[in-house]
Amino acid sequence: MNKEILSEKEQLFLYLVGTFHSSARIALGKNENPMTKSININVEQASFYINVLDLIQEKTKENLTDYEEQMLINTISELKLNLIDEKKKNKSPNGQKQNKESKEED
């Protein structure tokens, strides 16, 4: 489902989704935090970003192009799978884990 030319609104929507996607990946320790140059895991924060994307999906139902809808579904699915994996690894009560020594690949 590769679409070469996106309208301005599609680009803006995908930028919005991408912003929450990046923030969730940083919170899951999948990407380095560009501000701190470190990798930290905050499951609670990642859950928040995923919930925001779920809300966007719910509120835009039947109002997206097929491409936008599929990108949103794929993004949410990827993040939820990563969240489940992280919750299995991280059993702390507050959902936070300090610094992660090595960066893991997806």
Protein backbone atom coordinates (compact mmCIF):
# COMPACT_ATOMS: atom_id res chain seq x y z
CA MET A 1 0.00 0.00 0.00
CA ASN A 2 2.60 2.50 -1.15
CA LYS A 3 1.14 5.85 -2.08
CA GLU A 4 3.49 8.23 -3.85
CA ILE A 5 1.57 11.51 -3.83
CA LEU A 6 -0.17 12.59 -0.64
CA SER A 7 -2.44 15.57 -0.30
CA GLU A 8 -1.47 18.27 2.18
CA LYS A 9 -4.13 17.06 4.62
CA GLU A 10 -2.87 13.48 4.35
CA GLN A 11 0.67 14.68 5.00
CA LEU A 12 -0.46 16.62 8.07
CA PHE A 13 -2.46 13.67 9.39
CA LEU A 14 0.46 11.30 8.92
CA TYR A 15 2.76 13.82 10.61
CA LEU A 16 0.38 13.89 13.59
CA VAL A 17 0.31 10.08 13.79
CA GLY A 18 4.10 9.99 13.33
CA THR A 19 4.62 12.41 16.20
CA PHE A 20 2.74 10.19 18.66
CA HIS A 21 4.39 7.11 17.16
CA SER A 22 7.86 8.56 17.77
CA SER A 23 6.96 9.66 21.28
CA ALA A 24 5.62 6.20 22.14
CA ARG A 25 8.74 4.51 20.74
CA ILE A 26 10.93 6.79 22.85
CA ALA A 27 8.82 5.97 25.93
CA LEU A 28 9.16 2.25 25.14
CA GLY A 29 12.95 2.57 24.91
CA LYS A 30 12.98 1.71 21.20
CA ASN A 31 14.50 5.06 20.22
CA GLU A 32 16.92 7.38 21.97
CA ASN A 33 15.39 10.46 23.57
CA PRO A 34 16.77 13.31 21.41
CA MET A 35 16.73 15.72 24.36
CA THR A 36 18.57 13.57 26.91
CA LYS A 37 20.51 11.37 24.45
CA SER A 38 19.54 8.38 26.59
CA ILE A 39 17.20 5.43 26.38
CA ASN A 40 14.65 5.18 29.17
CA ILE A 41 11.48 3.15 29.46
CA ASN A 42 8.24 4.62 30.76
CA VAL A 43 5.39 2.19 30.12
CA GLU A 44 2.80 4.57 31.55
CA GLN A 45 3.80 7.34 29.17
CA ALA A 46 3.88 4.93 26.21
CA SER A 47 0.37 3.75 27.13
CA PHE A 48 -0.80 7.37 27.11
CA TYR A 49 0.49 7.94 23.56
CA ILE A 50 -1.09 4.69 22.38
CA ASN A 51 -4.39 5.71 23.98
CA VAL A 52 -4.22 9.04 22.13
CA LEU A 53 -3.74 7.17 18.84
CA ASP A 54 -6.65 4.87 19.72
CA LEU A 55 -8.80 7.96 20.34
CA ILE A 56 -7.75 9.46 17.01
CA GLN A 57 -8.69 6.19 15.32
CA GLU A 58 -12.07 6.14 17.04
CA LYS A 59 -12.89 9.78 16.32
CA THR A 60 -11.82 9.64 12.66
CA LYS A 61 -13.56 6.36 11.86
CA GLU A 62 -14.99 6.38 8.33
CA ASN A 63 -13.41 9.78 7.71
CA LEU A 64 -9.94 8.68 6.58
CA THR A 65 -8.56 7.60 3.23
CA ASP A 66 -7.71 3.91 2.97
CA TYR A 67 -4.03 4.83 3.15
CA GLU A 68 -4.44 6.94 6.31
CA GLU A 69 -6.55 4.27 7.97
CA GLN A 70 -4.05 1.51 7.21
CA MET A 71 -1.11 3.60 8.43
CA LEU A 72 -2.95 4.31 11.68
CA ILE A 73 -3.91 0.66 12.18
CA ASN A 74 -0.34 -0.49 11.51
CA THR A 75 1.12 2.12 13.85
CA ILE A 76 -1.21 1.26 16.72
CA SER A 77 -0.70 -2.48 16.24
CA GLU A 78 3.09 -2.14 16.26
CA LEU A 79 3.05 -0.01 19.39
CA LYS A 80 0.64 -2.30 21.24
CA LEU A 81 2.83 -5.32 20.50
CA ASN A 82 5.90 -3.44 21.74
CA LEU A 83 3.99 -2.35 24.84
CA ILE A 84 2.98 -5.94 25.64
CA ASP A 85 6.61 -7.07 25.25
CA GLU A 86 7.83 -4.28 27.50
CA LYS A 87 5.21 -5.02 30.17
CA LYS A 88 6.34 -8.65 30.21
CA LYS A 89 9.96 -7.55 30.76
CA ASN A 90 9.15 -4.75 33.19
CA LYS A 91 7.10 -5.85 36.17
CA SER A 92 7.63 -2.77 38.36
CA PRO A 93 4.43 -1.43 40.00
CA ASN A 94 4.72 2.11 38.63
CA GLY A 95 5.51 0.99 35.07
CA GLN A 96 8.87 2.76 35.02
CA LYS A 97 12.30 1.34 34.45
CA GLN A 98 15.43 3.44 34.70
CA ASN A 99 18.16 3.52 32.07
CA LYS A 100 18.39 0.74 29.57
CA GLU A 101 21.96 -0.37 28.99
CA SER A 102 21.75 -1.43 25.37
CA LYS A 103 19.36 -0.42 22.66
CA GLU A 104 17.17 -3.27 21.46
CA GLU A 105 16.09 -3.64 17.88
CA ASP A 106 12.49 -4.38 16.93
